[in-house]
Amino acid sequence: MMPVLAMFYGIIIRMYLMEGSQHHRPHIHARYGEFEAAIDIEEGELLAGELPRKQLRLVQAWIELRRDELLANWELAQQGIPPYRIDPL
């Protein structure tokens, strides 16, 4: 299951629920049209996939502004608890 955390400028941000397992580094999944990418929460680094340059910058700016909320949601998701919605950019 991958609940939606936010939507802005045609970008959908999600986070996997992974109860009982450690799921790599804290990250989000961003989708824009046919593009999809995993992006690190702590550094804003592209981990996998791709997004157009402009949309990647928007997601990275949003991560910078919402990092504390994203990390709190990551902790919830690791326990299998649905994360909270986060304000868009």
PDB file of N, CA and C in Angstrom:
ATOM      1  N   MET A   1       0.844  -1.187   0.000  1.00  0.00           N
ATOM      2  CA  MET A   1       0.000   0.000   0.000  1.00  0.00           C
ATOM      3  C   MET A   1       0.884   1.243   0.000  1.00  0.00           C
ATOM      4  N   MET A   2       0.492   2.249  -0.793  1.00  0.00           N
ATOM      5  CA  MET A   2       1.285   3.457  -0.894  1.00  0.00           C
ATOM      6  C   MET A   2       0.367   4.680  -0.877  1.00  0.00           C
ATOM      7  N   PRO A   3       0.033   5.195   0.330  1.00  0.00           N
ATOM      8  CA  PRO A   3      -0.868   6.347   0.434  1.00  0.00           C
ATOM      9  C   PRO A   3      -0.285   7.620  -0.192  1.00  0.00           C
ATOM     10  N   VAL A   4      -1.177   8.484  -0.675  1.00  0.00           N
ATOM     11  CA  VAL A   4      -0.784   9.777  -1.220  1.00  0.00           C
ATOM     12  C   VAL A   4      -0.535  10.739  -0.057  1.00  0.00           C
ATOM     13  N   LEU A   5       0.634  11.400  -0.079  1.00  0.00           N
ATOM     14  CA  LEU A   5       0.957  12.399   0.944  1.00  0.00           C
ATOM     15  C   LEU A   5       0.580  13.803   0.489  1.00  0.00           C
ATOM     16  N   ALA A   6       0.783  14.074  -0.818  1.00  0.00           N
ATOM     17  CA  ALA A   6       0.512  15.415  -1.336  1.00  0.00           C
ATOM     18  C   ALA A   6       0.408  15.358  -2.851  1.00  0.00           C
ATOM     19  N   MET A   7      -0.220  16.393  -3.407  1.00  0.00           N
ATOM     20  CA  MET A   7      -0.290  16.572  -4.860  1.00  0.00           C
ATOM     21  C   MET A   7      -0.105  18.056  -5.150  1.00  0.00           C
ATOM     22  N   PHE A   8       0.781  18.359  -6.094  1.00  0.00           N
ATOM     23  CA  PHE A   8       0.986  19.741  -6.508  1.00  0.00           C
ATOM     24  C   PHE A   8       1.597  19.777  -7.906  1.00  0.00           C
ATOM     25  N   TYR A   9       1.155  20.740  -8.713  1.00  0.00           N
ATOM     26  CA  TYR A   9       1.663  20.935 -10.076  1.00  0.00           C
ATOM     27  C   TYR A   9       1.685  19.642 -10.892  1.00  0.00           C
ATOM     28  N   GLY A  10       0.687  18.794 -10.711  1.00  0.00           N
ATOM     29  CA  GLY A  10       0.602  17.548 -11.462  1.00  0.00           C
ATOM     30  C   GLY A  10       1.483  16.429 -10.928  1.00  0.00           C
ATOM     31  N   ILE A  11       2.137  16.669  -9.802  1.00  0.00           N
ATOM     32  CA  ILE A  11       3.033  15.681  -9.185  1.00  0.00           C
ATOM     33  C   ILE A  11       2.296  15.019  -8.032  1.00  0.00           C
ATOM     34  N   ILE A  12       2.349  13.698  -7.967  1.00  0.00           N
ATOM     35  CA  ILE A  12       1.730  12.945  -6.870  1.00  0.00           C
ATOM     36  C   ILE A  12       2.860  12.363  -6.021  1.00  0.00           C
ATOM     37  N   ILE A  13       2.790  12.630  -4.715  1.00  0.00           N
ATOM     38  CA  ILE A  13       3.814  12.158  -3.775  1.00  0.00           C
ATOM     39  C   ILE A  13       3.217  11.052  -2.916  1.00  0.00           C
ATOM     40  N   ARG A  14       3.913   9.917  -2.846  1.00  0.00           N
ATOM     41  CA  ARG A  14       3.461   8.770  -2.047  1.00  0.00           C
ATOM     42  C   ARG A  14       4.592   8.231  -1.182  1.00  0.00           C
ATOM     43  N   MET A  15       4.192   7.386  -0.196  1.00  0.00           N
ATOM     44  CA  MET A  15       5.160   6.712   0.672  1.00  0.00           C
ATOM     45  C   MET A  15       4.637   5.310   0.975  1.00  0.00           C
ATOM     46  N   TYR A  16       5.507   4.316   0.834  1.00  0.00           N
ATOM     47  CA  TYR A  16       5.124   2.934   1.120  1.00  0.00           C
ATOM     48  C   TYR A  16       4.929   2.704   2.615  1.00  0.00           C
ATOM     49  N   LEU A  17       3.966   1.843   2.957  1.00  0.00           N
ATOM     50  CA  LEU A  17       3.817   1.340   4.320  1.00  0.00           C
ATOM     51  C   LEU A  17       4.595   0.033   4.388  1.00  0.00           C
ATOM     52  N   MET A  18       5.506  -0.094   5.346  1.00  0.00           N
ATOM     53  CA  MET A  18       6.367  -1.276   5.425  1.00  0.00           C
ATOM     54  C   MET A  18       6.431  -1.815   6.852  1.00  0.00           C
ATOM     55  N   GLU A  19       5.318  -2.281   7.362  1.00  0.00           N
ATOM     56  CA  GLU A  19       5.257  -2.779   8.730  1.00  0.00           C
ATOM     57  C   GLU A  19       6.211  -3.947   8.941  1.00  0.00           C
ATOM     58  N   GLY A  20       7.030  -3.831   9.990  1.00  0.00           N
ATOM     59  CA  GLY A  20       7.903  -4.926  10.399  1.00  0.00           C
ATOM     60  C   GLY A  20       9.160  -5.099   9.574  1.00  0.00           C
ATOM     61  N   SER A  21       9.470  -4.170   8.678  1.00  0.00           N
ATOM     62  CA  SER A  21      10.707  -4.293   7.913  1.00  0.00           C
ATOM     63  C   SER A  21      11.331  -2.923   7.712  1.00  0.00           C
ATOM     64  N   GLN A  22      12.628  -2.907   7.602  1.00  0.00           N
ATOM     65  CA  GLN A  22      13.338  -1.657   7.334  1.00  0.00           C
ATOM     66  C   GLN A  22      13.451  -1.508   5.822  1.00  0.00           C
ATOM     67  N   HIS A  23      12.968  -0.423   5.289  1.00  0.00           N
ATOM     68  CA  HIS A  23      12.876  -0.216   3.849  1.00  0.00           C
ATOM     69  C   HIS A  23      13.886   0.838   3.400  1.00  0.00           C
ATOM     70  N   HIS A  24      15.135   0.467   3.297  1.00  0.00           N
ATOM     71  CA  HIS A  24      16.190   1.331   2.767  1.00  0.00           C
ATOM     72  C   HIS A  24      16.272   2.668   3.503  1.00  0.00           C
ATOM     73  N   ARG A  25      16.708   3.690   2.783  1.00  0.00           N
ATOM     74  CA  ARG A  25      16.792   5.036   3.339  1.00  0.00           C
ATOM     75  C   ARG A  25      15.411   5.685   3.298  1.00  0.00           C
ATOM     76  N   PRO A  26      15.163   6.633   4.199  1.00  0.00           N
ATOM     77  CA  PRO A  26      13.887   7.355   4.148  1.00  0.00           C
ATOM     78  C   PRO A  26      13.723   8.029   2.783  1.00  0.00           C
ATOM     79  N   HIS A  27      12.628   7.731   2.094  1.00  0.00           N
ATOM     80  CA  HIS A  27      12.411   8.291   0.776  1.00  0.00           C
ATOM     81  C   HIS A  27      10.920   8.361   0.447  1.00  0.00           C
ATOM     82  N   ILE A  28      10.634   9.108  -0.592  1.00  0.00           N
ATOM     83  CA  ILE A  28       9.278   9.225  -1.121  1.00  0.00           C
ATOM     84  C   ILE A  28       9.288   8.756  -2.566  1.00  0.00           C
ATOM     85  N   HIS A  29       8.095   8.551  -3.099  1.00  0.00           N
ATOM     86  CA  HIS A  29       7.925   8.231  -4.513  1.00  0.00           C
ATOM     87  C   HIS A  29       7.133   9.369  -5.135  1.00  0.00           C
ATOM     88  N   ALA A  30       7.665   9.924  -6.224  1.00  0.00           N
ATOM     89  CA  ALA A  30       7.002  11.020  -6.924  1.00  0.00           C
ATOM     90  C   ALA A  30       6.631  10.547  -8.324  1.00  0.00           C
ATOM     91  N   ARG A  31       5.412  10.863  -8.737  1.00  0.00           N
ATOM     92  CA  ARG A  31       4.939  10.491 -10.077  1.00  0.00           C
ATOM     93  C   ARG A  31       4.468  11.750 -10.791  1.00  0.00           C
ATOM     94  N   TYR A  32       4.882  11.868 -12.043  1.00  0.00           N
ATOM     95  CA  TYR A  32       4.456  12.985 -12.885  1.00  0.00           C
ATOM     96  C   TYR A  32       4.254  12.416 -14.283  1.00  0.00           C
ATOM     97  N   GLY A  33       2.998  12.331 -14.717  1.00  0.00           N
ATOM     98  CA  GLY A  33       2.712  11.722 -16.015  1.00  0.00           C
ATOM     99  C   GLY A  33       3.235  10.304 -16.053  1.00  0.00           C
ATOM    100  N   GLU A  34       4.038   9.986 -17.066  1.00  0.00           N
ATOM    101  CA  GLU A  34       4.601   8.632 -17.164  1.00  0.00           C
ATOM    102  C   GLU A  34       5.898   8.469 -16.384  1.00  0.00           C
ATOM    103  N   PHE A  35       6.366   9.532 -15.741  1.00  0.00           N
ATOM    104  CA  PHE A  35       7.621   9.487 -14.986  1.00  0.00           C
ATOM    105  C   PHE A  35       7.366   9.122 -13.534  1.00  0.00           C
ATOM    106  N   GLU A  36       8.295   8.376 -12.955  1.00  0.00           N
ATOM    107  CA  GLU A  36       8.211   8.036 -11.531  1.00  0.00           C
ATOM    108  C   GLU A  36       9.620   7.937 -10.983  1.00  0.00           C
ATOM    109  N   ALA A  37       9.794   8.416  -9.744  1.00  0.00           N
ATOM    110  CA  ALA A  37      11.117   8.409  -9.134  1.00  0.00           C
ATOM    111  C   ALA A  37      11.019   8.224  -7.626  1.00  0.00           C
ATOM    112  N   ALA A  38      12.066   7.636  -7.060  1.00  0.00           N
ATOM    113  CA  ALA A  38      12.236   7.558  -5.607  1.00  0.00           C
ATOM    114  C   ALA A  38      13.268   8.623  -5.236  1.00  0.00           C
ATOM    115  N   ILE A  39      12.941   9.437  -4.225  1.00  0.00           N
ATOM    116  CA  ILE A  39      13.794  10.556  -3.837  1.00  0.00           C
ATOM    117  C   ILE A  39      14.042  10.513  -2.338  1.00  0.00           C
ATOM    118  N   ASP A  40      15.310  10.590  -1.968  1.00  0.00           N
ATOM    119  CA  ASP A  40      15.741  10.553  -0.571  1.00  0.00           C
ATOM    120  C   ASP A  40      15.192  11.766   0.180  1.00  0.00           C
ATOM    121  N   ILE A  41      14.676  11.540   1.375  1.00  0.00           N
ATOM    122  CA  ILE A  41      14.114  12.633   2.178  1.00  0.00           C
ATOM    123  C   ILE A  41      15.221  13.484   2.807  1.00  0.00           C
ATOM    124  N   GLU A  42      16.274  12.863   3.284  1.00  0.00           N
ATOM    125  CA  GLU A  42      17.296  13.604   4.019  1.00  0.00           C
ATOM    126  C   GLU A  42      18.164  14.483   3.124  1.00  0.00           C
ATOM    127  N   GLU A  43      18.455  14.040   1.897  1.00  0.00           N
ATOM    128  CA  GLU A  43      19.339  14.792   1.005  1.00  0.00           C
ATOM    129  C   GLU A  43      18.651  15.322  -0.252  1.00  0.00           C
ATOM    130  N   GLY A  44      17.430  14.857  -0.542  1.00  0.00           N
ATOM    131  CA  GLY A  44      16.754  15.265  -1.770  1.00  0.00           C
ATOM    132  C   GLY A  44      17.347  14.620  -3.014  1.00  0.00           C
ATOM    133  N   GLU A  45      18.160  13.595  -2.818  1.00  0.00           N
ATOM    134  CA  GLU A  45      18.860  12.919  -3.911  1.00  0.00           C
ATOM    135  C   GLU A  45      17.928  11.961  -4.656  1.00  0.00           C
ATOM    136  N   LEU A  46      18.047  11.927  -5.966  1.00  0.00           N
ATOM    137  CA  LEU A  46      17.304  10.986  -6.793  1.00  0.00           C
ATOM    138  C   LEU A  46      17.902   9.601  -6.586  1.00  0.00           C
ATOM    139  N   LEU A  47      17.097   8.658  -6.096  1.00  0.00           N
ATOM    140  CA  LEU A  47      17.578   7.311  -5.806  1.00  0.00           C
ATOM    141  C   LEU A  47      17.322   6.347  -6.961  1.00  0.00           C
ATOM    142  N   ALA A  48      16.202   6.494  -7.626  1.00  0.00           N
ATOM    143  CA  ALA A  48      15.835   5.587  -8.720  1.00  0.00           C
ATOM    144  C   ALA A  48      14.793   6.258  -9.592  1.00  0.00           C
ATOM    145  N   GLY A  49      14.706   5.830 -10.830  1.00  0.00           N
ATOM    146  CA  GLY A  49      13.720   6.358 -11.750  1.00  0.00           C
ATOM    147  C   GLY A  49      14.121   7.720 -12.282  1.00  0.00           C
ATOM    148  N   GLU A  50      13.134   8.449 -12.798  1.00  0.00           N
ATOM    149  CA  GLU A  50      13.418   9.786 -13.300  1.00  0.00           C
ATOM    150  C   GLU A  50      12.168  10.653 -13.302  1.00  0.00           C
ATOM    151  N   LEU A  51      12.414  11.949 -13.206  1.00  0.00           N
ATOM    152  CA  LEU A  51      11.398  12.988 -13.352  1.00  0.00           C
ATOM    153  C   LEU A  51      11.996  14.053 -14.268  1.00  0.00           C
ATOM    154  N   PRO A  52      11.153  14.785 -14.997  1.00  0.00           N
ATOM    155  CA  PRO A  52      11.697  15.931 -15.738  1.00  0.00           C
ATOM    156  C   PRO A  52      12.391  16.885 -14.757  1.00  0.00           C
ATOM    157  N   ARG A  53      13.398  17.559 -15.234  1.00  0.00           N
ATOM    158  CA  ARG A  53      14.235  18.421 -14.375  1.00  0.00           C
ATOM    159  C   ARG A  53      13.422  19.415 -13.535  1.00  0.00           C
ATOM    160  N   LYS A  54      12.471  20.096 -14.169  1.00  0.00           N
ATOM    161  CA  LYS A  54      11.657  21.096 -13.456  1.00  0.00           C
ATOM    162  C   LYS A  54      10.873  20.451 -12.315  1.00  0.00           C
ATOM    163  N   GLN A  55      10.233  19.313 -12.580  1.00  0.00           N
ATOM    164  CA  GLN A  55       9.432  18.640 -11.553  1.00  0.00           C
ATOM    165  C   GLN A  55      10.331  18.092 -10.435  1.00  0.00           C
ATOM    166  N   LEU A  56      11.506  17.598 -10.781  1.00  0.00           N
ATOM    167  CA  LEU A  56      12.434  17.125  -9.751  1.00  0.00           C
ATOM    168  C   LEU A  56      12.815  18.276  -8.826  1.00  0.00           C
ATOM    169  N   ARG A  57      13.079  19.451  -9.389  1.00  0.00           N
ATOM    170  CA  ARG A  57      13.427  20.610  -8.550  1.00  0.00           C
ATOM    171  C   ARG A  57      12.266  21.011  -7.645  1.00  0.00           C
ATOM    172  N   LEU A  58      11.041  20.938  -8.165  1.00  0.00           N
ATOM    173  CA  LEU A  58       9.874  21.254  -7.335  1.00  0.00           C
ATOM    174  C   LEU A  58       9.765  20.274  -6.170  1.00  0.00           C
ATOM    175  N   VAL A  59       9.948  18.991  -6.441  1.00  0.00           N
ATOM    176  CA  VAL A  59       9.871  17.982  -5.384  1.00  0.00           C
ATOM    177  C   VAL A  59      10.987  18.200  -4.368  1.00  0.00           C
ATOM    178  N   GLN A  60      12.184  18.499  -4.822  1.00  0.00           N
ATOM    179  CA  GLN A  60      13.300  18.732  -3.904  1.00  0.00           C
ATOM    180  C   GLN A  60      13.052  19.961  -3.027  1.00  0.00           C
ATOM    181  N   ALA A  61      12.469  21.011  -3.595  1.00  0.00           N
ATOM    182  CA  ALA A  61      12.126  22.203  -2.804  1.00  0.00           C
ATOM    183  C   ALA A  61      11.076  21.856  -1.757  1.00  0.00           C
ATOM    184  N   TRP A  62      10.078  21.066  -2.150  1.00  0.00           N
ATOM    185  CA  TRP A  62       9.025  20.644  -1.214  1.00  0.00           C
ATOM    186  C   TRP A  62       9.617  19.801  -0.083  1.00  0.00           C
ATOM    187  N   ILE A  63      10.516  18.893  -0.425  1.00  0.00           N
ATOM    188  CA  ILE A  63      11.177  18.078   0.602  1.00  0.00           C
ATOM    189  C   ILE A  63      11.920  18.973   1.586  1.00  0.00           C
ATOM    190  N   GLU A  64      12.633  19.964   1.078  1.00  0.00           N
ATOM    191  CA  GLU A  64      13.384  20.885   1.941  1.00  0.00           C
ATOM    192  C   GLU A  64      12.449  21.571   2.941  1.00  0.00           C
ATOM    193  N   LEU A  65      11.284  22.004   2.470  1.00  0.00           N
ATOM    194  CA  LEU A  65      10.327  22.701   3.329  1.00  0.00           C
ATOM    195  C   LEU A  65       9.614  21.768   4.313  1.00  0.00           C
ATOM    196  N   ARG A  66       9.431  20.520   3.940  1.00  0.00           N
ATOM    197  CA  ARG A  66       8.600  19.586   4.712  1.00  0.00           C
ATOM    198  C   ARG A  66       9.385  18.411   5.299  1.00  0.00           C
ATOM    199  N   ARG A  67      10.702  18.529   5.381  1.00  0.00           N
ATOM    200  CA  ARG A  67      11.550  17.408   5.808  1.00  0.00           C
ATOM    201  C   ARG A  67      11.132  16.815   7.162  1.00  0.00           C
ATOM    202  N   ASP A  68      10.877  17.654   8.148  1.00  0.00           N
ATOM    203  CA  ASP A  68      10.506  17.140   9.476  1.00  0.00           C
ATOM    204  C   ASP A  68       9.214  16.332   9.422  1.00  0.00           C
ATOM    205  N   GLU A  69       8.221  16.846   8.690  1.00  0.00           N
ATOM    206  CA  GLU A  69       6.953  16.120   8.544  1.00  0.00           C
ATOM    207  C   GLU A  69       7.154  14.809   7.788  1.00  0.00           C
ATOM    208  N   LEU A  70       7.993  14.840   6.757  1.00  0.00           N
ATOM    209  CA  LEU A  70       8.262  13.633   5.975  1.00  0.00           C
ATOM    210  C   LEU A  70       8.960  12.568   6.819  1.00  0.00           C
ATOM    211  N   LEU A  71       9.925  12.981   7.624  1.00  0.00           N
ATOM    212  CA  LEU A  71      10.623  12.005   8.475  1.00  0.00           C
ATOM    213  C   LEU A  71       9.691  11.431   9.541  1.00  0.00           C
ATOM    214  N   ALA A  72       8.801  12.261  10.076  1.00  0.00           N
ATOM    215  CA  ALA A  72       7.810  11.758  11.037  1.00  0.00           C
ATOM    216  C   ALA A  72       6.885  10.754  10.351  1.00  0.00           C
ATOM    217  N   ASN A  73       6.468  11.052   9.137  1.00  0.00           N
ATOM    218  CA  ASN A  73       5.634  10.123   8.369  1.00  0.00           C
ATOM    219  C   ASN A  73       6.398   8.838   8.056  1.00  0.00           C
ATOM    220  N   TRP A  74       7.680   8.947   7.776  1.00  0.00           N
ATOM    221  CA  TRP A  74       8.499   7.757   7.496  1.00  0.00           C
ATOM    222  C   TRP A  74       8.464   6.809   8.695  1.00  0.00           C
ATOM    223  N   GLU A  75       8.597   7.364   9.887  1.00  0.00           N
ATOM    224  CA  GLU A  75       8.558   6.539  11.101  1.00  0.00           C
ATOM    225  C   GLU A  75       7.203   5.832  11.227  1.00  0.00           C
ATOM    226  N   LEU A  76       6.127   6.538  10.966  1.00  0.00           N
ATOM    227  CA  LEU A  76       4.799   5.923  11.011  1.00  0.00           C
ATOM    228  C   LEU A  76       4.693   4.803   9.978  1.00  0.00           C
ATOM    229  N   ALA A  77       5.120   5.087   8.756  1.00  0.00           N
ATOM    230  CA  ALA A  77       5.011   4.111   7.667  1.00  0.00           C
ATOM    231  C   ALA A  77       5.811   2.845   7.969  1.00  0.00           C
ATOM    232  N   GLN A  78       6.949   2.994   8.649  1.00  0.00           N
ATOM    233  CA  GLN A  78       7.764   1.831   8.998  1.00  0.00           C
ATOM    234  C   GLN A  78       7.046   0.924  10.003  1.00  0.00           C
ATOM    235  N   GLN A  79       6.098   1.498  10.727  1.00  0.00           N
ATOM    236  CA  GLN A  79       5.303   0.732  11.693  1.00  0.00           C
ATOM    237  C   GLN A  79       3.982   0.256  11.084  1.00  0.00           C
ATOM    238  N   GLY A  80       3.786   0.530   9.798  1.00  0.00           N
ATOM    239  CA  GLY A  80       2.549   0.127   9.138  1.00  0.00           C
ATOM    240  C   GLY A  80       1.389   1.063   9.408  1.00  0.00           C
ATOM    241  N   ILE A  81       1.674   2.237   9.968  1.00  0.00           N
ATOM    242  CA  ILE A  81       0.638   3.226  10.274  1.00  0.00           C
ATOM    243  C   ILE A  81       0.538   4.196   9.095  1.00  0.00           C
ATOM    244  N   PRO A  82      -0.661   4.416   8.565  1.00  0.00           N
ATOM    245  CA  PRO A  82      -0.788   5.338   7.428  1.00  0.00           C
ATOM    246  C   PRO A  82      -0.246   6.725   7.776  1.00  0.00           C
ATOM    247  N   PRO A  83       0.562   7.294   6.889  1.00  0.00           N
ATOM    248  CA  PRO A  83       1.109   8.622   7.134  1.00  0.00           C
ATOM    249  C   PRO A  83       0.046   9.703   6.958  1.00  0.00           C
ATOM    250  N   TYR A  84       0.337  10.883   7.484  1.00  0.00           N
ATOM    251  CA  TYR A  84      -0.555  12.025   7.366  1.00  0.00           C
ATOM    252  C   TYR A  84      -0.328  12.741   6.050  1.00  0.00           C
ATOM    253  N   ARG A  85      -1.377  13.418   5.562  1.00  0.00           N
ATOM    254  CA  ARG A  85      -1.234  14.281   4.389  1.00  0.00           C
ATOM    255  C   ARG A  85      -0.351  15.458   4.782  1.00  0.00           C
ATOM    256  N   ILE A  86       0.402  15.967   3.815  1.00  0.00           N
ATOM    257  CA  ILE A  86       1.306  17.086   4.042  1.00  0.00           C
ATOM    258  C   ILE A  86       0.915  18.180   3.053  1.00  0.00           C
ATOM    259  N   ASP A  87       0.975  19.429   3.507  1.00  0.00           N
ATOM    260  CA  ASP A  87       0.611  20.556   2.648  1.00  0.00           C
ATOM    261  C   ASP A  87       1.450  20.542   1.368  1.00  0.00           C
ATOM    262  N   PRO A  88       0.818  20.860   0.248  1.00  0.00           N
ATOM    263  CA  PRO A  88       1.554  20.898  -1.021  1.00  0.00           C
ATOM    264  C   PRO A  88       2.474  22.115  -1.096  1.00  0.00           C
ATOM    265  N   LEU A  89       3.199  22.181  -2.175  1.00  0.00           N
ATOM    266  CA  LEU A  89       4.118  23.295  -2.417  1.00  0.00           C
ATOM    267  C   LEU A  89       3.328  24.527  -2.807  1.00  0.00           C
TER     268      LEU A  89
END
